[in-house]
Amino acid sequence: MRLRPSCPHRYSLADQIVQVGHACLEAGKVSELPDSPCHLVVVTVANEIQLLTAVENAERYGICFYVFNEPDGDMGNIAACSQPVIGQQRRVFRRFPLWDHKKNCSP
């Protein structure tokens, strides 16, 4: 099973780690715990529009998400975390690049 948060990349490394953590924490409050260990895979999108589009597309395949809206500094929707996914559902995420702190962080 995979748990997949997404995070726009215009923020610092520290901000991105915190936002992904918030999204996972909140998703964990409403998601059923899997029976077996799951993987945490972080993928990236360029901005809030792409984040919400990715969530909408995945939801068409029955994958539920928690979208984290950062209340500080009018940052908006900046991270999302899916329910744990298995099998064919994992294919929904194939087109997204994995998060890379060297490429995805502001200076």
PDB file of N, CA and C in Angstrom:
ATOM      1  N   MET A   1       0.843  -1.183   0.000  1.00  0.00           N
ATOM      2  CA  MET A   1       0.000   0.000   0.000  1.00  0.00           C
ATOM      3  C   MET A   1       0.879   1.233   0.000  1.00  0.00           C
ATOM      4  N   ARG A   2       0.396   2.276  -0.611  1.00  0.00           N
ATOM      5  CA  ARG A   2       1.189   3.491  -0.668  1.00  0.00           C
ATOM      6  C   ARG A   2       0.376   4.684  -0.205  1.00  0.00           C
ATOM      7  N   LEU A   3       1.020   5.510   0.532  1.00  0.00           N
ATOM      8  CA  LEU A   3       0.453   6.773   0.985  1.00  0.00           C
ATOM      9  C   LEU A   3       1.223   7.845   0.250  1.00  0.00           C
ATOM     10  N   ARG A   4       0.544   8.701  -0.490  1.00  0.00           N
ATOM     11  CA  ARG A   4       1.236   9.616  -1.382  1.00  0.00           C
ATOM     12  C   ARG A   4       0.846  11.077  -1.161  1.00  0.00           C
ATOM     13  N   PRO A   5       1.677  11.843  -0.544  1.00  0.00           N
ATOM     14  CA  PRO A   5       1.412  13.270  -0.485  1.00  0.00           C
ATOM     15  C   PRO A   5       2.032  14.004  -1.672  1.00  0.00           C
ATOM     16  N   SER A   6       1.453  15.097  -2.030  1.00  0.00           N
ATOM     17  CA  SER A   6       2.004  15.968  -3.066  1.00  0.00           C
ATOM     18  C   SER A   6       2.214  17.345  -2.462  1.00  0.00           C
ATOM     19  N   CYS A   7       3.197  18.038  -2.946  1.00  0.00           N
ATOM     20  CA  CYS A   7       3.457  19.360  -2.385  1.00  0.00           C
ATOM     21  C   CYS A   7       3.986  20.289  -3.468  1.00  0.00           C
ATOM     22  N   PRO A   8       3.387  21.440  -3.668  1.00  0.00           N
ATOM     23  CA  PRO A   8       3.952  22.409  -4.602  1.00  0.00           C
ATOM     24  C   PRO A   8       5.378  22.774  -4.192  1.00  0.00           C
ATOM     25  N   HIS A   9       6.215  23.143  -5.145  1.00  0.00           N
ATOM     26  CA  HIS A   9       7.643  23.273  -4.857  1.00  0.00           C
ATOM     27  C   HIS A   9       8.169  24.698  -4.746  1.00  0.00           C
ATOM     28  N   ARG A  10       7.345  25.660  -4.457  1.00  0.00           N
ATOM     29  CA  ARG A  10       7.844  27.033  -4.336  1.00  0.00           C
ATOM     30  C   ARG A  10       8.272  27.391  -2.924  1.00  0.00           C
ATOM     31  N   TYR A  11       8.275  26.427  -2.031  1.00  0.00           N
ATOM     32  CA  TYR A  11       8.586  26.662  -0.625  1.00  0.00           C
ATOM     33  C   TYR A  11       9.932  26.054  -0.245  1.00  0.00           C
ATOM     34  N   SER A  12      10.462  26.486   0.889  1.00  0.00           N
ATOM     35  CA  SER A  12      11.741  25.967   1.371  1.00  0.00           C
ATOM     36  C   SER A  12      11.612  24.492   1.731  1.00  0.00           C
ATOM     37  N   LEU A  13      12.757  23.833   1.867  1.00  0.00           N
ATOM     38  CA  LEU A  13      12.782  22.426   2.250  1.00  0.00           C
ATOM     39  C   LEU A  13      12.036  22.214   3.569  1.00  0.00           C
ATOM     40  N   ALA A  14      12.326  23.030   4.552  1.00  0.00           N
ATOM     41  CA  ALA A  14      11.675  22.891   5.857  1.00  0.00           C
ATOM     42  C   ALA A  14      10.160  23.048   5.739  1.00  0.00           C
ATOM     43  N   ASP A  15       9.717  24.046   4.979  1.00  0.00           N
ATOM     44  CA  ASP A  15       8.279  24.255   4.798  1.00  0.00           C
ATOM     45  C   ASP A  15       7.623  23.048   4.130  1.00  0.00           C
ATOM     46  N   GLN A  16       8.287  22.495   3.132  1.00  0.00           N
ATOM     47  CA  GLN A  16       7.714  21.348   2.422  1.00  0.00           C
ATOM     48  C   GLN A  16       7.592  20.132   3.331  1.00  0.00           C
ATOM     49  N   ILE A  17       8.595  19.886   4.127  1.00  0.00           N
ATOM     50  CA  ILE A  17       8.546  18.749   5.051  1.00  0.00           C
ATOM     51  C   ILE A  17       7.396  18.926   6.042  1.00  0.00           C
ATOM     52  N   VAL A  18       7.248  20.118   6.578  1.00  0.00           N
ATOM     53  CA  VAL A  18       6.173  20.392   7.533  1.00  0.00           C
ATOM     54  C   VAL A  18       4.810  20.241   6.867  1.00  0.00           C
ATOM     55  N   GLN A  19       4.635  20.763   5.660  1.00  0.00           N
ATOM     56  CA  GLN A  19       3.338  20.702   4.986  1.00  0.00           C
ATOM     57  C   GLN A  19       2.945  19.269   4.639  1.00  0.00           C
ATOM     58  N   VAL A  20       3.891  18.477   4.184  1.00  0.00           N
ATOM     59  CA  VAL A  20       3.606  17.069   3.906  1.00  0.00           C
ATOM     60  C   VAL A  20       3.237  16.357   5.211  1.00  0.00           C
ATOM     61  N   GLY A  21       3.944  16.686   6.285  1.00  0.00           N
ATOM     62  CA  GLY A  21       3.615  16.108   7.583  1.00  0.00           C
ATOM     63  C   GLY A  21       2.201  16.454   8.026  1.00  0.00           C
ATOM     64  N   HIS A  22       1.809  17.714   7.846  1.00  0.00           N
ATOM     65  CA  HIS A  22       0.449  18.135   8.191  1.00  0.00           C
ATOM     66  C   HIS A  22      -0.586  17.350   7.387  1.00  0.00           C
ATOM     67  N   ALA A  23      -0.356  17.235   6.077  1.00  0.00           N
ATOM     68  CA  ALA A  23      -1.307  16.528   5.220  1.00  0.00           C
ATOM     69  C   ALA A  23      -1.443  15.070   5.644  1.00  0.00           C
ATOM     70  N   CYS A  24      -0.319  14.419   5.938  1.00  0.00           N
ATOM     71  CA  CYS A  24      -0.349  13.011   6.360  1.00  0.00           C
ATOM     72  C   CYS A  24      -1.025  12.853   7.721  1.00  0.00           C
ATOM     73  N   LEU A  25      -0.724  13.750   8.637  1.00  0.00           N
ATOM     74  CA  LEU A  25      -1.340  13.692   9.960  1.00  0.00           C
ATOM     75  C   LEU A  25      -2.853  13.821   9.864  1.00  0.00           C
ATOM     76  N   GLU A  26      -3.314  14.800   9.115  1.00  0.00           N
ATOM     77  CA  GLU A  26      -4.752  15.021   8.981  1.00  0.00           C
ATOM     78  C   GLU A  26      -5.427  13.872   8.234  1.00  0.00           C
ATOM     79  N   ALA A  27      -4.779  13.355   7.190  1.00  0.00           N
ATOM     80  CA  ALA A  27      -5.339  12.214   6.452  1.00  0.00           C
ATOM     81  C   ALA A  27      -5.428  10.990   7.365  1.00  0.00           C
ATOM     82  N   GLY A  28      -4.443  10.820   8.215  1.00  0.00           N
ATOM     83  CA  GLY A  28      -4.442   9.692   9.136  1.00  0.00           C
ATOM     84  C   GLY A  28      -5.583   9.727  10.129  1.00  0.00           C
ATOM     85  N   LYS A  29      -6.062  10.913  10.434  1.00  0.00           N
ATOM     86  CA  LYS A  29      -7.185  11.048  11.366  1.00  0.00           C
ATOM     87  C   LYS A  29      -8.488  10.523  10.772  1.00  0.00           C
ATOM     88  N   VAL A  30      -8.605  10.576   9.446  1.00  0.00           N
ATOM     89  CA  VAL A  30      -9.863  10.182   8.799  1.00  0.00           C
ATOM     90  C   VAL A  30      -9.749   8.902   7.974  1.00  0.00           C
ATOM     91  N   SER A  31      -8.552   8.370   7.814  1.00  0.00           N
ATOM     92  CA  SER A  31      -8.346   7.155   7.019  1.00  0.00           C
ATOM     93  C   SER A  31      -8.305   5.937   7.923  1.00  0.00           C
ATOM     94  N   GLU A  32      -8.759   4.841   7.367  1.00  0.00           N
ATOM     95  CA  GLU A  32      -8.654   3.579   8.072  1.00  0.00           C
ATOM     96  C   GLU A  32      -7.216   3.095   7.983  1.00  0.00           C
ATOM     97  N   LEU A  33      -6.689   2.615   9.089  1.00  0.00           N
ATOM     98  CA  LEU A  33      -5.312   2.122   9.089  1.00  0.00           C
ATOM     99  C   LEU A  33      -5.223   0.820   8.305  1.00  0.00           C
ATOM    100  N   PRO A  34      -4.194   0.701   7.467  1.00  0.00           N
ATOM    101  CA  PRO A  34      -4.038  -0.547   6.717  1.00  0.00           C
ATOM    102  C   PRO A  34      -3.606  -1.681   7.645  1.00  0.00           C
ATOM    103  N   ASP A  35      -3.913  -2.921   7.244  1.00  0.00           N
ATOM    104  CA  ASP A  35      -3.530  -4.094   8.034  1.00  0.00           C
ATOM    105  C   ASP A  35      -2.031  -4.365   7.973  1.00  0.00           C
ATOM    106  N   SER A  36      -1.409  -3.960   6.874  1.00  0.00           N
ATOM    107  CA  SER A  36       0.025  -4.193   6.717  1.00  0.00           C
ATOM    108  C   SER A  36       0.732  -2.855   6.555  1.00  0.00           C
ATOM    109  N   PRO A  37       2.049  -2.854   6.720  1.00  0.00           N
ATOM    110  CA  PRO A  37       2.790  -1.597   6.554  1.00  0.00           C
ATOM    111  C   PRO A  37       2.571  -1.002   5.163  1.00  0.00           C
ATOM    112  N   CYS A  38       2.580   0.300   5.087  1.00  0.00           N
ATOM    113  CA  CYS A  38       2.445   0.967   3.791  1.00  0.00           C
ATOM    114  C   CYS A  38       3.682   1.823   3.547  1.00  0.00           C
ATOM    115  N   HIS A  39       3.803   2.300   2.342  1.00  0.00           N
ATOM    116  CA  HIS A  39       4.945   3.113   1.934  1.00  0.00           C
ATOM    117  C   HIS A  39       4.518   4.575   1.880  1.00  0.00           C
ATOM    118  N   LEU A  40       5.444   5.436   2.178  1.00  0.00           N
ATOM    119  CA  LEU A  40       5.224   6.862   2.017  1.00  0.00           C
ATOM    120  C   LEU A  40       6.031   7.287   0.801  1.00  0.00           C
ATOM    121  N   VAL A  41       5.342   7.706  -0.246  1.00  0.00           N
ATOM    122  CA  VAL A  41       6.001   8.123  -1.473  1.00  0.00           C
ATOM    123  C   VAL A  41       5.601   9.569  -1.730  1.00  0.00           C
ATOM    124  N   VAL A  42       6.562  10.439  -1.844  1.00  0.00           N
ATOM    125  CA  VAL A  42       6.296  11.858  -2.043  1.00  0.00           C
ATOM    126  C   VAL A  42       6.515  12.193  -3.508  1.00  0.00           C
ATOM    127  N   VAL A  43       5.464  12.715  -4.128  1.00  0.00           N
ATOM    128  CA  VAL A  43       5.549  13.165  -5.515  1.00  0.00           C
ATOM    129  C   VAL A  43       5.377  14.671  -5.525  1.00  0.00           C
ATOM    130  N   THR A  44       5.633  15.285  -6.659  1.00  0.00           N
ATOM    131  CA  THR A  44       5.601  16.740  -6.703  1.00  0.00           C
ATOM    132  C   THR A  44       4.751  17.252  -7.858  1.00  0.00           C
ATOM    133  N   VAL A  45       4.188  18.410  -7.651  1.00  0.00           N
ATOM    134  CA  VAL A  45       3.487  19.161  -8.680  1.00  0.00           C
ATOM    135  C   VAL A  45       3.997  20.602  -8.592  1.00  0.00           C
ATOM    136  N   ALA A  46       3.754  21.368  -9.637  1.00  0.00           N
ATOM    137  CA  ALA A  46       4.348  22.700  -9.710  1.00  0.00           C
ATOM    138  C   ALA A  46       3.600  23.778  -8.937  1.00  0.00           C
ATOM    139  N   ASN A  47       2.286  23.609  -8.765  1.00  0.00           N
ATOM    140  CA  ASN A  47       1.511  24.688  -8.150  1.00  0.00           C
ATOM    141  C   ASN A  47       0.178  24.166  -7.620  1.00  0.00           C
ATOM    142  N   GLU A  48      -0.582  25.060  -7.022  1.00  0.00           N
ATOM    143  CA  GLU A  48      -1.852  24.675  -6.406  1.00  0.00           C
ATOM    144  C   GLU A  48      -2.850  24.144  -7.432  1.00  0.00           C
ATOM    145  N   ILE A  49      -2.878  24.732  -8.603  1.00  0.00           N
ATOM    146  CA  ILE A  49      -3.805  24.263  -9.643  1.00  0.00           C
ATOM    147  C   ILE A  49      -3.483  22.821 -10.019  1.00  0.00           C
ATOM    148  N   GLN A  50      -2.208  22.520 -10.221  1.00  0.00           N
ATOM    149  CA  GLN A  50      -1.822  21.151 -10.554  1.00  0.00           C
ATOM    150  C   GLN A  50      -2.101  20.197  -9.394  1.00  0.00           C
ATOM    151  N   LEU A  51      -1.927  20.669  -8.177  1.00  0.00           N
ATOM    152  CA  LEU A  51      -2.219  19.845  -7.008  1.00  0.00           C
ATOM    153  C   LEU A  51      -3.695  19.457  -6.981  1.00  0.00           C
ATOM    154  N   LEU A  52      -4.565  20.445  -7.137  1.00  0.00           N
ATOM    155  CA  LEU A  52      -6.001  20.171  -7.084  1.00  0.00           C
ATOM    156  C   LEU A  52      -6.461  19.345  -8.286  1.00  0.00           C
ATOM    157  N   THR A  53      -5.854  19.553  -9.442  1.00  0.00           N
ATOM    158  CA  THR A  53      -6.170  18.748 -10.622  1.00  0.00           C
ATOM    159  C   THR A  53      -5.755  17.299 -10.403  1.00  0.00           C
ATOM    160  N   ALA A  54      -4.581  17.095  -9.828  1.00  0.00           N
ATOM    161  CA  ALA A  54      -4.104  15.737  -9.548  1.00  0.00           C
ATOM    162  C   ALA A  54      -5.038  15.029  -8.573  1.00  0.00           C
ATOM    163  N   VAL A  55      -5.471  15.739  -7.552  1.00  0.00           N
ATOM    164  CA  VAL A  55      -6.393  15.172  -6.567  1.00  0.00           C
ATOM    165  C   VAL A  55      -7.713  14.808  -7.248  1.00  0.00           C
ATOM    166  N   GLU A  56      -8.238  15.715  -8.046  1.00  0.00           N
ATOM    167  CA  GLU A  56      -9.503  15.471  -8.743  1.00  0.00           C
ATOM    168  C   GLU A  56      -9.401  14.254  -9.670  1.00  0.00           C
ATOM    169  N   ASN A  57      -8.311  14.157 -10.413  1.00  0.00           N
ATOM    170  CA  ASN A  57      -8.124  13.023 -11.314  1.00  0.00           C
ATOM    171  C   ASN A  57      -8.042  11.710 -10.549  1.00  0.00           C
ATOM    172  N   ALA A  58      -7.308  11.690  -9.453  1.00  0.00           N
ATOM    173  CA  ALA A  58      -7.179  10.465  -8.660  1.00  0.00           C
ATOM    174  C   ALA A  58      -8.507  10.089  -8.012  1.00  0.00           C
ATOM    175  N   GLU A  59      -9.282  11.084  -7.608  1.00  0.00           N
ATOM    176  CA  GLU A  59     -10.576  10.797  -6.996  1.00  0.00           C
ATOM    177  C   GLU A  59     -11.527  10.131  -7.983  1.00  0.00           C
ATOM    178  N   ARG A  60     -11.337  10.379  -9.275  1.00  0.00           N
ATOM    179  CA  ARG A  60     -12.148   9.695 -10.302  1.00  0.00           C
ATOM    180  C   ARG A  60     -11.913   8.189 -10.290  1.00  0.00           C
ATOM    181  N   TYR A  61     -10.768   7.778  -9.775  1.00  0.00           N
ATOM    182  CA  TYR A  61     -10.439   6.356  -9.664  1.00  0.00           C
ATOM    183  C   TYR A  61     -10.749   5.808  -8.275  1.00  0.00           C
ATOM    184  N   GLY A  62     -11.472   6.575  -7.503  1.00  0.00           N
ATOM    185  CA  GLY A  62     -11.897   6.117  -6.189  1.00  0.00           C
ATOM    186  C   GLY A  62     -10.883   6.306  -5.077  1.00  0.00           C
ATOM    187  N   ILE A  63      -9.862   7.122  -5.307  1.00  0.00           N
ATOM    188  CA  ILE A  63      -8.841   7.371  -4.291  1.00  0.00           C
ATOM    189  C   ILE A  63      -9.225   8.635  -3.527  1.00  0.00           C
ATOM    190  N   CYS A  64      -9.397   8.500  -2.241  1.00  0.00           N
ATOM    191  CA  CYS A  64      -9.771   9.640  -1.400  1.00  0.00           C
ATOM    192  C   CYS A  64      -8.526  10.391  -0.928  1.00  0.00           C
ATOM    193  N   PHE A  65      -8.670  11.700  -0.781  1.00  0.00           N
ATOM    194  CA  PHE A  65      -7.573  12.565  -0.367  1.00  0.00           C
ATOM    195  C   PHE A  65      -7.985  13.472   0.777  1.00  0.00           C
ATOM    196  N   TYR A  66      -6.979  13.893   1.517  1.00  0.00           N
ATOM    197  CA  TYR A  66      -7.121  15.021   2.425  1.00  0.00           C
ATOM    198  C   TYR A  66      -6.236  16.113   1.842  1.00  0.00           C
ATOM    199  N   VAL A  67      -6.812  17.273   1.550  1.00  0.00           N
ATOM    200  CA  VAL A  67      -6.041  18.401   1.020  1.00  0.00           C
ATOM    201  C   VAL A  67      -5.770  19.347   2.172  1.00  0.00           C
ATOM    202  N   PHE A  68      -4.506  19.649   2.394  1.00  0.00           N
ATOM    203  CA  PHE A  68      -4.116  20.529   3.494  1.00  0.00           C
ATOM    204  C   PHE A  68      -4.060  21.966   3.016  1.00  0.00           C
ATOM    205  N   ASN A  69      -4.804  22.823   3.684  1.00  0.00           N
ATOM    206  CA  ASN A  69      -4.811  24.247   3.403  1.00  0.00           C
ATOM    207  C   ASN A  69      -4.055  24.933   4.518  1.00  0.00           C
ATOM    208  N   GLU A  70      -2.922  25.531   4.175  1.00  0.00           N
ATOM    209  CA  GLU A  70      -2.086  26.219   5.162  1.00  0.00           C
ATOM    210  C   GLU A  70      -2.737  27.538   5.540  1.00  0.00           C
ATOM    211  N   PRO A  71      -3.138  27.693   6.806  1.00  0.00           N
ATOM    212  CA  PRO A  71      -3.814  28.917   7.218  1.00  0.00           C
ATOM    213  C   PRO A  71      -2.880  30.112   7.401  1.00  0.00           C
ATOM    214  N   ASP A  72      -1.595  29.862   7.591  1.00  0.00           N
ATOM    215  CA  ASP A  72      -0.649  30.955   7.809  1.00  0.00           C
ATOM    216  C   ASP A  72      -0.201  31.565   6.486  1.00  0.00           C
ATOM    217  N   GLY A  73      -0.176  32.860   6.425  1.00  0.00           N
ATOM    218  CA  GLY A  73       0.390  33.560   5.285  1.00  0.00           C
ATOM    219  C   GLY A  73      -0.367  33.392   3.990  1.00  0.00           C
ATOM    220  N   ASP A  74      -1.634  33.044   4.050  1.00  0.00           N
ATOM    221  CA  ASP A  74      -2.454  32.906   2.844  1.00  0.00           C
ATOM    222  C   ASP A  74      -1.781  32.004   1.802  1.00  0.00           C
ATOM    223  N   MET A  75      -1.247  30.875   2.253  1.00  0.00           N
ATOM    224  CA  MET A  75      -0.529  29.966   1.364  1.00  0.00           C
ATOM    225  C   MET A  75      -1.478  29.083   0.559  1.00  0.00           C
ATOM    226  N   GLY A  76      -2.685  28.872   1.028  1.00  0.00           N
ATOM    227  CA  GLY A  76      -3.666  28.090   0.277  1.00  0.00           C
ATOM    228  C   GLY A  76      -3.457  26.593   0.413  1.00  0.00           C
ATOM    229  N   ASN A  77      -3.978  25.850  -0.568  1.00  0.00           N
ATOM    230  CA  ASN A  77      -3.856  24.399  -0.606  1.00  0.00           C
ATOM    231  C   ASN A  77      -2.455  24.049  -1.089  1.00  0.00           C
ATOM    232  N   ILE A  78      -1.638  23.490  -0.215  1.00  0.00           N
ATOM    233  CA  ILE A  78      -0.248  23.269  -0.601  1.00  0.00           C
ATOM    234  C   ILE A  78       0.221  21.834  -0.457  1.00  0.00           C
ATOM    235  N   ALA A  79      -0.623  20.952   0.045  1.00  0.00           N
ATOM    236  CA  ALA A  79      -0.224  19.549   0.151  1.00  0.00           C
ATOM    237  C   ALA A  79      -1.481  18.694   0.193  1.00  0.00           C
ATOM    238  N   ALA A  80      -1.345  17.456  -0.242  1.00  0.00           N
ATOM    239  CA  ALA A  80      -2.462  16.524  -0.194  1.00  0.00           C
ATOM    240  C   ALA A  80      -1.922  15.148   0.132  1.00  0.00           C
ATOM    241  N   CYS A  81      -2.728  14.368   0.800  1.00  0.00           N
ATOM    242  CA  CYS A  81      -2.331  13.017   1.154  1.00  0.00           C
ATOM    243  C   CYS A  81      -3.484  12.082   0.812  1.00  0.00           C
ATOM    244  N   SER A  82      -3.182  11.004   0.113  1.00  0.00           N
ATOM    245  CA  SER A  82      -4.227  10.047  -0.245  1.00  0.00           C
ATOM    246  C   SER A  82      -4.422   9.029   0.860  1.00  0.00           C
ATOM    247  N   GLN A  83      -5.516   8.314   0.748  1.00  0.00           N
ATOM    248  CA  GLN A  83      -5.702   7.118   1.559  1.00  0.00           C
ATOM    249  C   GLN A  83      -4.621   6.133   1.132  1.00  0.00           C
ATOM    250  N   PRO A  84      -4.322   5.130   1.911  1.00  0.00           N
ATOM    251  CA  PRO A  84      -3.398   4.096   1.424  1.00  0.00           C
ATOM    252  C   PRO A  84      -3.993   3.444   0.170  1.00  0.00           C
ATOM    253  N   VAL A  85      -3.173   3.279  -0.855  1.00  0.00           N
ATOM    254  CA  VAL A  85      -3.650   2.682  -2.104  1.00  0.00           C
ATOM    255  C   VAL A  85      -2.930   1.370  -2.377  1.00  0.00           C
ATOM    256  N   ILE A  86      -3.606   0.484  -3.089  1.00  0.00           N
ATOM    257  CA  ILE A  86      -3.037  -0.820  -3.416  1.00  0.00           C
ATOM    258  C   ILE A  86      -3.307  -1.148  -4.878  1.00  0.00           C
ATOM    259  N   GLY A  87      -2.582  -2.118  -5.380  1.00  0.00           N
ATOM    260  CA  GLY A  87      -2.836  -2.667  -6.708  1.00  0.00           C
ATOM    261  C   GLY A  87      -2.885  -1.637  -7.814  1.00  0.00           C
ATOM    262  N   GLN A  88      -3.934  -1.761  -8.630  1.00  0.00           N
ATOM    263  CA  GLN A  88      -4.073  -0.919  -9.821  1.00  0.00           C
ATOM    264  C   GLN A  88      -4.181   0.572  -9.488  1.00  0.00           C
ATOM    265  N   GLN A  89      -4.662   0.910  -8.311  1.00  0.00           N
ATOM    266  CA  GLN A  89      -4.778   2.321  -7.943  1.00  0.00           C
ATOM    267  C   GLN A  89      -3.424   3.022  -7.976  1.00  0.00           C
ATOM    268  N   ARG A  90      -2.359   2.298  -7.730  1.00  0.00           N
ATOM    269  CA  ARG A  90      -1.030   2.914  -7.709  1.00  0.00           C
ATOM    270  C   ARG A  90      -0.670   3.518  -9.068  1.00  0.00           C
ATOM    271  N   ARG A  91      -1.228   2.997 -10.127  1.00  0.00           N
ATOM    272  CA  ARG A  91      -0.917   3.492 -11.477  1.00  0.00           C
ATOM    273  C   ARG A  91      -1.295   4.952 -11.673  1.00  0.00           C
ATOM    274  N   VAL A  92      -2.265   5.408 -10.926  1.00  0.00           N
ATOM    275  CA  VAL A  92      -2.721   6.794 -11.037  1.00  0.00           C
ATOM    276  C   VAL A  92      -1.569   7.769 -10.804  1.00  0.00           C
ATOM    277  N   PHE A  93      -0.601   7.371 -10.001  1.00  0.00           N
ATOM    278  CA  PHE A  93       0.488   8.268  -9.609  1.00  0.00           C
ATOM    279  C   PHE A  93       1.750   8.142 -10.466  1.00  0.00           C
ATOM    280  N   ARG A  94       1.752   7.262 -11.432  1.00  0.00           N
ATOM    281  CA  ARG A  94       2.964   7.012 -12.228  1.00  0.00           C
ATOM    282  C   ARG A  94       3.481   8.230 -12.979  1.00  0.00           C
ATOM    283  N   ARG A  95       2.610   9.090 -13.411  1.00  0.00           N
ATOM    284  CA  ARG A  95       3.055  10.219 -14.243  1.00  0.00           C
ATOM    285  C   ARG A  95       3.691  11.360 -13.442  1.00  0.00           C
ATOM    286  N   PHE A  96       3.616  11.290 -12.130  1.00  0.00           N
ATOM    287  CA  PHE A  96       4.166  12.354 -11.305  1.00  0.00           C
ATOM    288  C   PHE A  96       5.612  12.077 -10.946  1.00  0.00           C
ATOM    289  N   PRO A  97       6.473  13.097 -11.050  1.00  0.00           N
ATOM    290  CA  PRO A  97       7.854  12.896 -10.626  1.00  0.00           C
ATOM    291  C   PRO A  97       7.957  12.785  -9.110  1.00  0.00           C
ATOM    292  N   LEU A  98       8.909  11.990  -8.678  1.00  0.00           N
ATOM    293  CA  LEU A  98       9.177  11.912  -7.245  1.00  0.00           C
ATOM    294  C   LEU A  98       9.740  13.238  -6.767  1.00  0.00           C
ATOM    295  N   TRP A  99       9.446  13.573  -5.537  1.00  0.00           N
ATOM    296  CA  TRP A  99       9.961  14.811  -4.950  1.00  0.00           C
ATOM    297  C   TRP A  99      11.472  14.697  -4.800  1.00  0.00           C
ATOM    298  N   ASP A 100      12.165  15.756  -5.127  1.00  0.00           N
ATOM    299  CA  ASP A 100      13.618  15.823  -5.031  1.00  0.00           C
ATOM    300  C   ASP A 100      13.970  17.184  -4.439  1.00  0.00           C
ATOM    301  N   HIS A 101      14.552  17.176  -3.240  1.00  0.00           N
ATOM    302  CA  HIS A 101      14.825  18.448  -2.565  1.00  0.00           C
ATOM    303  C   HIS A 101      15.763  19.341  -3.374  1.00  0.00           C
ATOM    304  N   LYS A 102      16.603  18.771  -4.224  1.00  0.00           N
ATOM    305  CA  LYS A 102      17.514  19.592  -5.019  1.00  0.00           C
ATOM    306  C   LYS A 102      16.784  20.336  -6.134  1.00  0.00           C
ATOM    307  N   LYS A 103      15.680  19.767  -6.608  1.00  0.00           N
ATOM    308  CA  LYS A 103      14.909  20.381  -7.694  1.00  0.00           C
ATOM    309  C   LYS A 103      13.690  21.137  -7.197  1.00  0.00           C
ATOM    310  N   ASN A 104      13.165  20.751  -6.050  1.00  0.00           N
ATOM    311  CA  ASN A 104      11.856  21.212  -5.649  1.00  0.00           C
ATOM    312  C   ASN A 104      11.815  22.182  -4.488  1.00  0.00           C
ATOM    313  N   CYS A 105      12.919  22.814  -4.180  1.00  0.00           N
ATOM    314  CA  CYS A 105      12.928  23.762  -3.055  1.00  0.00           C
ATOM    315  C   CYS A 105      13.423  25.126  -3.501  1.00  0.00           C
ATOM    316  N   SER A 106      12.800  26.140  -2.927  1.00  0.00           N
ATOM    317  CA  SER A 106      13.310  27.484  -3.179  1.00  0.00           C
ATOM    318  C   SER A 106      14.558  27.689  -2.346  1.00  0.00           C
ATOM    319  N   PRO A 107      15.418  28.597  -2.751  1.00  0.00           N
ATOM    320  CA  PRO A 107      16.669  28.837  -1.997  1.00  0.00           C
ATOM    321  C   PRO A 107      16.417  29.391  -0.620  1.00  0.00           C
TER     322      PRO A 107
END
